[in-house]
Protein backbone atom coordinates (compact mmCIF):
# COMPACT_ATOMS: atom_id res chain seq x y z
CA UNK A 1 0.00 0.00 0.00
CA UNK A 2 3.06 2.25 0.11
CA UNK A 3 1.98 4.46 3.00
CA UNK A 4 -1.56 5.07 1.86
CA UNK A 5 -2.89 3.23 4.90
CA UNK A 6 -1.61 6.11 7.03
CA UNK A 7 -3.99 8.70 5.52
CA UNK A 8 -7.69 9.00 4.72
CA UNK A 9 -8.71 7.87 1.22
CA UNK A 10 -9.07 11.25 -0.44
CA UNK A 11 -5.86 12.76 0.92
CA UNK A 12 -3.39 13.86 -1.74
CA UNK A 13 0.17 14.76 -0.86
CA UNK A 14 2.90 16.46 -2.88
CA UNK A 15 4.47 13.06 -3.51
CA UNK A 16 1.16 11.59 -4.61
CA UNK A 17 0.59 14.47 -7.03
CA UNK A 18 4.18 14.33 -8.33
CA UNK A 19 3.87 10.62 -9.17
CA UNK A 20 0.48 10.97 -10.85
CA UNK A 21 0.69 9.97 -14.51
CA UNK A 22 4.19 8.53 -14.23
CA UNK A 23 5.14 4.84 -14.44
CA UNK A 24 5.50 4.89 -10.63
CA UNK A 25 1.85 5.90 -10.16
CA UNK A 26 -0.20 3.17 -8.51
CA UNK A 27 -3.88 3.96 -8.87
CA UNK A 28 -5.99 2.93 -5.90
CA UNK A 29 -8.24 -0.01 -6.59
CA UNK A 30 -11.72 -0.19 -5.13
CA UNK A 31 -10.49 -2.87 -2.72
CA UNK A 32 -7.72 -0.53 -1.49
CA UNK A 33 -10.24 2.22 -0.87
CA UNK A 34 -12.50 -0.16 1.04
CA UNK A 35 -9.64 -1.31 3.28
CA UNK A 36 -8.62 2.28 4.02
CA UNK A 37 -12.23 3.21 4.84
CA UNK A 38 -12.50 0.27 7.26
CA UNK A 39 -9.25 1.31 8.92
CA UNK A 40 -10.62 4.86 9.27
CA UNK A 41 -13.72 3.49 11.03
CA UNK A 42 -11.65 1.43 13.48
CA UNK A 43 -9.32 4.36 14.18
CA UNK A 44 -12.24 6.67 14.98
CA UNK A 45 -13.86 4.11 17.30
CA UNK A 46 -10.68 3.46 19.27
CA UNK A 47 -9.20 6.95 19.29
CA UNK A 48 -6.03 5.95 17.46
CA UNK A 49 -4.34 7.53 14.46
CA UNK A 50 -4.00 5.94 11.06
CA UNK A 51 -0.23 6.13 11.47
CA UNK A 52 -0.49 3.69 14.38
CA UNK A 53 -2.20 1.18 12.12
CA UNK A 54 0.30 1.72 9.29
CA UNK A 55 3.25 1.31 11.63
CA UNK A 56 1.81 -1.83 13.21
CA UNK A 57 1.11 -3.31 9.76
CA UNK A 58 4.64 -2.47 8.63
CA UNK A 59 6.21 -4.11 11.67
CA UNK A 60 3.99 -7.17 11.46
CA UNK A 61 4.51 -7.82 7.76
CA UNK A 62 8.09 -6.68 7.19
CA UNK A 63 9.68 -7.89 10.41
CA UNK A 64 8.09 -11.32 10.16
CA UNK A 65 9.24 -11.67 6.56
CA UNK A 66 12.77 -10.56 7.43
CA UNK A 67 13.01 -12.89 10.42
CA UNK A 68 11.66 -15.81 8.39
CA UNK A 69 14.16 -15.29 5.58
CA UNK A 70 17.08 -15.05 8.03
CA UNK A 71 15.88 -18.07 10.00
CA UNK A 72 15.39 -20.14 6.84
CA UNK A 73 18.92 -19.24 5.74
CA UNK A 74 20.32 -20.47 9.05
CA UNK A 75 18.37 -23.72 8.92
CA UNK A 76 19.70 -24.65 5.46
PDB file of N, CA and C in Angstrom:
ATOM      1  N   UNK A   1       0.809  -1.198   0.000  1.00  0.00           N
ATOM      2  CA  UNK A   1       0.000   0.000   0.000  1.00  0.00           C
ATOM      3  C   UNK A   1       0.849   1.257   0.000  1.00  0.00           C
ATOM      4  N   UNK A   2       2.098   1.152   0.193  1.00  0.00           N
ATOM      5  CA  UNK A   2       3.056   2.248   0.110  1.00  0.00           C
ATOM      6  C   UNK A   2       2.678   3.504   0.885  1.00  0.00           C
ATOM      7  N   UNK A   3       2.249   3.329   2.127  1.00  0.00           N
ATOM      8  CA  UNK A   3       1.983   4.461   2.999  1.00  0.00           C
ATOM      9  C   UNK A   3       0.585   5.030   2.904  1.00  0.00           C
ATOM     10  N   UNK A   4      -0.214   4.525   2.022  1.00  0.00           N
ATOM     11  CA  UNK A   4      -1.559   5.068   1.861  1.00  0.00           C
ATOM     12  C   UNK A   4      -2.476   4.671   3.003  1.00  0.00           C
ATOM     13  N   UNK A   5      -2.097   3.662   3.754  1.00  0.00           N
ATOM     14  CA  UNK A   5      -2.894   3.232   4.897  1.00  0.00           C
ATOM     15  C   UNK A   5      -2.798   4.244   6.038  1.00  0.00           C
ATOM     16  N   UNK A   6      -1.829   5.133   5.969  1.00  0.00           N
ATOM     17  CA  UNK A   6      -1.606   6.106   7.034  1.00  0.00           C
ATOM     18  C   UNK A   6      -2.433   7.375   6.866  1.00  0.00           C
ATOM     19  N   UNK A   7      -3.203   7.486   5.782  1.00  0.00           N
ATOM     20  CA  UNK A   7      -3.988   8.701   5.517  1.00  0.00           C
ATOM     21  C   UNK A   7      -5.394   8.336   5.057  1.00  0.00           C
ATOM     22  N   UNK A   8      -6.346   9.240   5.264  1.00  0.00           N
ATOM     23  CA  UNK A   8      -7.687   9.003   4.717  1.00  0.00           C
ATOM     24  C   UNK A   8      -7.653   8.848   3.196  1.00  0.00           C
ATOM     25  N   UNK A   9      -8.672   8.233   2.643  1.00  0.00           N
ATOM     26  CA  UNK A   9      -8.714   7.865   1.225  1.00  0.00           C
ATOM     27  C   UNK A   9      -8.477   9.041   0.286  1.00  0.00           C
ATOM     28  N   UNK A  10      -9.120  10.139   0.514  1.00  0.00           N
ATOM     29  CA  UNK A  10      -9.069  11.247  -0.440  1.00  0.00           C
ATOM     30  C   UNK A  10      -7.904  12.206  -0.233  1.00  0.00           C
ATOM     31  N   UNK A  11      -6.998  11.890   0.663  1.00  0.00           N
ATOM     32  CA  UNK A  11      -5.858  12.760   0.918  1.00  0.00           C
ATOM     33  C   UNK A  11      -4.861  12.666  -0.228  1.00  0.00           C
ATOM     34  N   UNK A  12      -4.417  13.817  -0.699  1.00  0.00           N
ATOM     35  CA  UNK A  12      -3.391  13.857  -1.737  1.00  0.00           C
ATOM     36  C   UNK A  12      -2.215  14.671  -1.220  1.00  0.00           C
ATOM     37  N   UNK A  13      -1.037  14.093  -1.315  1.00  0.00           N
ATOM     38  CA  UNK A  13       0.174  14.757  -0.857  1.00  0.00           C
ATOM     39  C   UNK A  13       0.972  15.251  -2.061  1.00  0.00           C
ATOM     40  N   UNK A  14       2.031  15.995  -1.794  1.00  0.00           N
ATOM     41  CA  UNK A  14       2.896  16.458  -2.885  1.00  0.00           C
ATOM     42  C   UNK A  14       3.487  15.264  -3.636  1.00  0.00           C
ATOM     43  N   UNK A  15       3.894  14.258  -2.884  1.00  0.00           N
ATOM     44  CA  UNK A  15       4.474  13.062  -3.507  1.00  0.00           C
ATOM     45  C   UNK A  15       3.440  12.354  -4.383  1.00  0.00           C
ATOM     46  N   UNK A  16       2.232  12.234  -3.864  1.00  0.00           N
ATOM     47  CA  UNK A  16       1.157  11.589  -4.612  1.00  0.00           C
ATOM     48  C   UNK A  16       0.900  12.334  -5.919  1.00  0.00           C
ATOM     49  N   UNK A  17       0.835  13.660  -5.833  1.00  0.00           N
ATOM     50  CA  UNK A  17       0.587  14.471  -7.029  1.00  0.00           C
ATOM     51  C   UNK A  17       1.769  14.428  -7.996  1.00  0.00           C
ATOM     52  N   UNK A  18       2.991  14.373  -7.478  1.00  0.00           N
ATOM     53  CA  UNK A  18       4.179  14.330  -8.334  1.00  0.00           C
ATOM     54  C   UNK A  18       4.265  13.017  -9.108  1.00  0.00           C
ATOM     55  N   UNK A  19       3.803  11.938  -8.509  1.00  0.00           N
ATOM     56  CA  UNK A  19       3.870  10.625  -9.165  1.00  0.00           C
ATOM     57  C   UNK A  19       2.702  10.367 -10.107  1.00  0.00           C
ATOM     58  N   UNK A  20       1.665  11.176 -10.016  1.00  0.00           N
ATOM     59  CA  UNK A  20       0.475  10.970 -10.852  1.00  0.00           C
ATOM     60  C   UNK A  20       0.850  11.037 -12.336  1.00  0.00           C
ATOM     61  N   UNK A  21       0.434  10.020 -13.072  1.00  0.00           N
ATOM     62  CA  UNK A  21       0.685   9.975 -14.508  1.00  0.00           C
ATOM     63  C   UNK A  21       2.043   9.430 -14.898  1.00  0.00           C
ATOM     64  N   UNK A  22       2.882   9.099 -13.935  1.00  0.00           N
ATOM     65  CA  UNK A  22       4.192   8.534 -14.234  1.00  0.00           C
ATOM     66  C   UNK A  22       4.115   7.013 -14.133  1.00  0.00           C
ATOM     67  N   UNK A  23       5.146   6.301 -14.578  1.00  0.00           N
ATOM     68  CA  UNK A  23       5.140   4.843 -14.437  1.00  0.00           C
ATOM     69  C   UNK A  23       5.122   4.376 -12.970  1.00  0.00           C
ATOM     70  N   UNK A  24       5.501   5.248 -12.046  1.00  0.00           N
ATOM     71  CA  UNK A  24       5.498   4.890 -10.628  1.00  0.00           C
ATOM     72  C   UNK A  24       4.140   5.083  -9.971  1.00  0.00           C
ATOM     73  N   UNK A  25       3.197   5.654 -10.693  1.00  0.00           N
ATOM     74  CA  UNK A  25       1.855   5.897 -10.164  1.00  0.00           C
ATOM     75  C   UNK A  25       1.132   4.573  -9.977  1.00  0.00           C
ATOM     76  N   UNK A  26       0.593   4.362  -8.787  1.00  0.00           N
ATOM     77  CA  UNK A  26      -0.201   3.166  -8.509  1.00  0.00           C
ATOM     78  C   UNK A  26      -1.616   3.622  -8.193  1.00  0.00           C
ATOM     79  N   UNK A  27      -2.510   3.536  -9.157  1.00  0.00           N
ATOM     80  CA  UNK A  27      -3.882   3.961  -8.871  1.00  0.00           C
ATOM     81  C   UNK A  27      -4.503   3.083  -7.781  1.00  0.00           C
ATOM     82  N   UNK A  28      -5.324   3.689  -6.966  1.00  0.00           N
ATOM     83  CA  UNK A  28      -5.989   2.932  -5.904  1.00  0.00           C
ATOM     84  C   UNK A  28      -7.129   2.129  -6.499  1.00  0.00           C
ATOM     85  N   UNK A  29      -7.138   0.854  -6.158  1.00  0.00           N
ATOM     86  CA  UNK A  29      -8.236  -0.008  -6.595  1.00  0.00           C
ATOM     87  C   UNK A  29      -9.404   0.181  -5.634  1.00  0.00           C
ATOM     88  N   UNK A  30     -10.551  -0.284  -6.006  1.00  0.00           N
ATOM     89  CA  UNK A  30     -11.720  -0.193  -5.129  1.00  0.00           C
ATOM     90  C   UNK A  30     -11.482  -0.958  -3.836  1.00  0.00           C
ATOM     91  N   UNK A  31     -10.784  -2.086  -3.928  1.00  0.00           N
ATOM     92  CA  UNK A  31     -10.493  -2.871  -2.722  1.00  0.00           C
ATOM     93  C   UNK A  31      -9.563  -2.108  -1.772  1.00  0.00           C
ATOM     94  N   UNK A  32      -8.603  -1.361  -2.328  1.00  0.00           N
ATOM     95  CA  UNK A  32      -7.718  -0.533  -1.495  1.00  0.00           C
ATOM     96  C   UNK A  32      -8.517   0.531  -0.753  1.00  0.00           C
ATOM     97  N   UNK A  33      -9.416   1.179  -1.482  1.00  0.00           N
ATOM     98  CA  UNK A  33     -10.241   2.220  -0.872  1.00  0.00           C
ATOM     99  C   UNK A  33     -11.111   1.662   0.237  1.00  0.00           C
ATOM    100  N   UNK A  34     -11.655   0.476   0.024  1.00  0.00           N
ATOM    101  CA  UNK A  34     -12.503  -0.156   1.036  1.00  0.00           C
ATOM    102  C   UNK A  34     -11.699  -0.487   2.298  1.00  0.00           C
ATOM    103  N   UNK A  35     -10.494  -1.000   2.130  1.00  0.00           N
ATOM    104  CA  UNK A  35      -9.637  -1.311   3.279  1.00  0.00           C
ATOM    105  C   UNK A  35      -9.318  -0.047   4.053  1.00  0.00           C
ATOM    106  N   UNK A  36      -8.964   1.019   3.351  1.00  0.00           N
ATOM    107  CA  UNK A  36      -8.624   2.279   4.020  1.00  0.00           C
ATOM    108  C   UNK A  36      -9.835   2.829   4.766  1.00  0.00           C
ATOM    109  N   UNK A  37     -11.016   2.737   4.176  1.00  0.00           N
ATOM    110  CA  UNK A  37     -12.233   3.211   4.844  1.00  0.00           C
ATOM    111  C   UNK A  37     -12.507   2.414   6.109  1.00  0.00           C
ATOM    112  N   UNK A  38     -12.293   1.105   6.069  1.00  0.00           N
ATOM    113  CA  UNK A  38     -12.497   0.269   7.261  1.00  0.00           C
ATOM    114  C   UNK A  38     -11.503   0.637   8.355  1.00  0.00           C
ATOM    115  N   UNK A  39     -10.264   0.892   7.950  1.00  0.00           N
ATOM    116  CA  UNK A  39      -9.250   1.311   8.925  1.00  0.00           C
ATOM    117  C   UNK A  39      -9.654   2.644   9.553  1.00  0.00           C
ATOM    118  N   UNK A  40     -10.155   3.574   8.749  1.00  0.00           N
ATOM    119  CA  UNK A  40     -10.620   4.861   9.270  1.00  0.00           C
ATOM    120  C   UNK A  40     -11.701   4.672  10.323  1.00  0.00           C
ATOM    121  N   UNK A  41     -12.640   3.765  10.076  1.00  0.00           N
ATOM    122  CA  UNK A  41     -13.715   3.494  11.029  1.00  0.00           C
ATOM    123  C   UNK A  41     -13.161   2.973  12.350  1.00  0.00           C
ATOM    124  N   UNK A  42     -12.244   2.017  12.267  1.00  0.00           N
ATOM    125  CA  UNK A  42     -11.647   1.434  13.478  1.00  0.00           C
ATOM    126  C   UNK A  42     -10.885   2.493  14.260  1.00  0.00           C
ATOM    127  N   UNK A  43     -10.132   3.311  13.554  1.00  0.00           N
ATOM    128  CA  UNK A  43      -9.323   4.359  14.180  1.00  0.00           C
ATOM    129  C   UNK A  43     -10.214   5.332  14.947  1.00  0.00           C
ATOM    130  N   UNK A  44     -11.318   5.725  14.327  1.00  0.00           N
ATOM    131  CA  UNK A  44     -12.236   6.667  14.983  1.00  0.00           C
ATOM    132  C   UNK A  44     -12.871   6.056  16.224  1.00  0.00           C
ATOM    133  N   UNK A  45     -13.236   4.777  16.154  1.00  0.00           N
ATOM    134  CA  UNK A  45     -13.862   4.106  17.295  1.00  0.00           C
ATOM    135  C   UNK A  45     -12.903   3.992  18.480  1.00  0.00           C
ATOM    136  N   UNK A  46     -11.643   3.737  18.195  1.00  0.00           N
ATOM    137  CA  UNK A  46     -10.680   3.462  19.266  1.00  0.00           C
ATOM    138  C   UNK A  46      -9.838   4.663  19.674  1.00  0.00           C
ATOM    139  N   UNK A  47      -9.951   5.753  18.945  1.00  0.00           N
ATOM    140  CA  UNK A  47      -9.196   6.949  19.294  1.00  0.00           C
ATOM    141  C   UNK A  47      -7.722   6.867  18.925  1.00  0.00           C
ATOM    142  N   UNK A  48      -7.404   6.073  17.925  1.00  0.00           N
ATOM    143  CA  UNK A  48      -6.035   5.949  17.462  1.00  0.00           C
ATOM    144  C   UNK A  48      -5.814   6.886  16.283  1.00  0.00           C
ATOM    145  N   UNK A  49      -4.602   6.825  15.723  1.00  0.00           N
ATOM    146  CA  UNK A  49      -4.341   7.528  14.464  1.00  0.00           C
ATOM    147  C   UNK A  49      -4.086   6.482  13.391  1.00  0.00           C
ATOM    148  N   UNK A  50      -4.242   6.878  12.157  1.00  0.00           N
ATOM    149  CA  UNK A  50      -3.999   5.935  11.062  1.00  0.00           C
ATOM    150  C   UNK A  50      -2.526   5.560  10.979  1.00  0.00           C
ATOM    151  N   UNK A  51      -1.666   6.443  11.450  1.00  0.00           N
ATOM    152  CA  UNK A  51      -0.228   6.131  11.469  1.00  0.00           C
ATOM    153  C   UNK A  51       0.075   4.953  12.387  1.00  0.00           C
ATOM    154  N   UNK A  52      -0.667   4.843  13.493  1.00  0.00           N
ATOM    155  CA  UNK A  52      -0.489   3.693  14.379  1.00  0.00           C
ATOM    156  C   UNK A  52      -0.760   2.391  13.633  1.00  0.00           C
ATOM    157  N   UNK A  53      -1.825   2.383  12.870  1.00  0.00           N
ATOM    158  CA  UNK A  53      -2.200   1.182  12.117  1.00  0.00           C
ATOM    159  C   UNK A  53      -1.141   0.876  11.061  1.00  0.00           C
ATOM    160  N   UNK A  54      -0.716   1.905  10.324  1.00  0.00           N
ATOM    161  CA  UNK A  54       0.303   1.723   9.286  1.00  0.00           C
ATOM    162  C   UNK A  54       1.589   1.173   9.879  1.00  0.00           C
ATOM    163  N   UNK A  55       2.005   1.745  10.995  1.00  0.00           N
ATOM    164  CA  UNK A  55       3.248   1.312  11.627  1.00  0.00           C
ATOM    165  C   UNK A  55       3.136  -0.128  12.115  1.00  0.00           C
ATOM    166  N   UNK A  56       2.013  -0.466  12.727  1.00  0.00           N
ATOM    167  CA  UNK A  56       1.806  -1.827  13.206  1.00  0.00           C
ATOM    168  C   UNK A  56       1.793  -2.817  12.041  1.00  0.00           C
ATOM    169  N   UNK A  57       1.147  -2.447  10.954  1.00  0.00           N
ATOM    170  CA  UNK A  57       1.112  -3.307   9.761  1.00  0.00           C
ATOM    171  C   UNK A  57       2.526  -3.500   9.204  1.00  0.00           C
ATOM    172  N   UNK A  58       3.267  -2.420   9.141  1.00  0.00           N
ATOM    173  CA  UNK A  58       4.635  -2.475   8.633  1.00  0.00           C
ATOM    174  C   UNK A  58       5.488  -3.410   9.477  1.00  0.00           C
ATOM    175  N   UNK A  59       5.418  -3.254  10.777  1.00  0.00           N
ATOM    176  CA  UNK A  59       6.207  -4.107  11.673  1.00  0.00           C
ATOM    177  C   UNK A  59       5.789  -5.563  11.527  1.00  0.00           C
ATOM    178  N   UNK A  60       4.489  -5.794  11.533  1.00  0.00           N
ATOM    179  CA  UNK A  60       3.990  -7.166  11.463  1.00  0.00           C
ATOM    180  C   UNK A  60       4.415  -7.862  10.177  1.00  0.00           C
ATOM    181  N   UNK A  61       4.226  -7.207   9.056  1.00  0.00           N
ATOM    182  CA  UNK A  61       4.509  -7.824   7.760  1.00  0.00           C
ATOM    183  C   UNK A  61       6.005  -7.870   7.475  1.00  0.00           C
ATOM    184  N   UNK A  62       6.684  -6.753   7.590  1.00  0.00           N
ATOM    185  CA  UNK A  62       8.093  -6.679   7.192  1.00  0.00           C
ATOM    186  C   UNK A  62       9.015  -7.413   8.153  1.00  0.00           C
ATOM    187  N   UNK A  63       8.801  -7.234   9.430  1.00  0.00           N
ATOM    188  CA  UNK A  63       9.677  -7.885  10.407  1.00  0.00           C
ATOM    189  C   UNK A  63       9.521  -9.401  10.324  1.00  0.00           C
ATOM    190  N   UNK A  64       8.298  -9.868  10.256  1.00  0.00           N
ATOM    191  CA  UNK A  64       8.088 -11.317  10.157  1.00  0.00           C
ATOM    192  C   UNK A  64       8.762 -11.879   8.916  1.00  0.00           C
ATOM    193  N   UNK A  65       8.623 -11.201   7.794  1.00  0.00           N
ATOM    194  CA  UNK A  65       9.242 -11.672   6.556  1.00  0.00           C
ATOM    195  C   UNK A  65      10.754 -11.702   6.684  1.00  0.00           C
ATOM    196  N   UNK A  66      11.316 -10.648   7.255  1.00  0.00           N
ATOM    197  CA  UNK A  66      12.765 -10.555   7.425  1.00  0.00           C
ATOM    198  C   UNK A  66      13.275 -11.655   8.349  1.00  0.00           C
ATOM    199  N   UNK A  67      12.599 -11.862   9.468  1.00  0.00           N
ATOM    200  CA  UNK A  67      13.014 -12.892  10.417  1.00  0.00           C
ATOM    201  C   UNK A  67      12.903 -14.265   9.782  1.00  0.00           C
ATOM    202  N   UNK A  68      11.840 -14.515   9.038  1.00  0.00           N
ATOM    203  CA  UNK A  68      11.659 -15.811   8.392  1.00  0.00           C
ATOM    204  C   UNK A  68      12.776 -16.086   7.399  1.00  0.00           C
ATOM    205  N   UNK A  69      13.114 -15.101   6.585  1.00  0.00           N
ATOM    206  CA  UNK A  69      14.163 -15.287   5.582  1.00  0.00           C
ATOM    207  C   UNK A  69      15.498 -15.572   6.265  1.00  0.00           C
ATOM    208  N   UNK A  70      15.814 -14.830   7.320  1.00  0.00           N
ATOM    209  CA  UNK A  70      17.075 -15.052   8.026  1.00  0.00           C
ATOM    210  C   UNK A  70      17.087 -16.418   8.706  1.00  0.00           C
ATOM    211  N   UNK A  71      15.968 -16.801   9.315  1.00  0.00           N
ATOM    212  CA  UNK A  71      15.880 -18.075   9.996  1.00  0.00           C
ATOM    213  C   UNK A  71      15.995 -19.223   9.003  1.00  0.00           C
ATOM    214  N   UNK A  72      15.320 -19.105   7.865  1.00  0.00           N
ATOM    215  CA  UNK A  72      15.389 -20.142   6.845  1.00  0.00           C
ATOM    216  C   UNK A  72      16.814 -20.303   6.340  1.00  0.00           C
ATOM    217  N   UNK A  73      17.528 -19.190   6.179  1.00  0.00           N
ATOM    218  CA  UNK A  73      18.918 -19.244   5.737  1.00  0.00           C
ATOM    219  C   UNK A  73      19.798 -19.982   6.741  1.00  0.00           C
ATOM    220  N   UNK A  74      19.536 -19.789   8.019  1.00  0.00           N
ATOM    221  CA  UNK A  74      20.322 -20.467   9.048  1.00  0.00           C
ATOM    222  C   UNK A  74      20.011 -21.958   9.124  1.00  0.00           C
ATOM    223  N   UNK A  75      18.771 -22.317   8.837  1.00  0.00           N
ATOM    224  CA  UNK A  75      18.370 -23.720   8.918  1.00  0.00           C
ATOM    225  C   UNK A  75      18.948 -24.541   7.766  1.00  0.00           C
ATOM    226  N   UNK A  76      19.206 -23.904   6.629  1.00  0.00           N
ATOM    227  CA  UNK A  76      19.696 -24.652   5.461  1.00  0.00           C
ATOM    228  C   UNK A  76      21.149 -24.913   5.506  1.00  0.00           C
TER     229      UNK A  76
END
